[in-house]
Amino acid sequence: MDRRRVLKNMGMSLGYMVATPTLLSIVQSCKSEPAVTWTPEFLAQTEGNVLTKLVDIILPKTDTPSASEVQVDVFIDKFAQDVMEKEQQDFLKMSMNKFIDKALADSGKEKAEDLTTEDLEPVLASSLKYTKEQQAEMFETINSYTKAISEGTTAEIDDEISRFAFANNLRGMTIWGYKASEYVGEEVLAYLPVPGEYIACGDMQELTAGQAWSL
């Protein structure tokens, strides 16, 4: 897959795409050079280490940097800490733990810090390999679960659906965080730091060579 071409042509298709002062401050805070290790604000350190491996499975280094090289892992952790509601935070933690439990069971390992990319990749792949019909059914179950939790009632959700929810949300946030990074915004997407003439119905190929605008 030509990731550069895919990112260039990708529109604002994710539901998270809202430009608010909080989100902009998160993007700004992730501009510095990435450290060898980082301390998550929302996730536990072991969960943060797993997150780093997962975002790089989704967007590995090719002709553009990997997701972790532009601090997508840091972005997701800060987004969860600063923007998500309590119910969303709890659901993320729960579904991530179900995902990690599956990786541990399949790999025969006991500690999350021992999980490698090779351990995580098959679990991520299997958690996303569902038909559109199956996904629609899972989303209905997820919506019913989150609605019940928000209303203060007791609810349970299948481990398989929890893993799907985590993997699907992670994939979306990883792509979103990657597009929102300074490098991708300036070097991959169409970037115009000083807006010029507004052309409402111009041809995309003529205006940006088919690239989506940097956010």
Foldseek 3Di string as FASTA:
>chain_A
DPVLVVQFQDEPPDPVPDDDPLLVVLQVVLQDFDDPADQFPQDHRLLLVVLLLVQCLLAPDDVHHGLVRLPLSNSVRSCLVPPDDPLVNVLLVVLSVLLLVVLCVVVVHDDSNPDDSVSNVVSLVVLAPDDPVVVVVLVVVVVVQSVCVVVPHDDDDDSSSSPNVNSVVSSVSSSVSVLQGPCCQVPRYQEDPDDDDDDPDDDCCVPGVSGYHRD
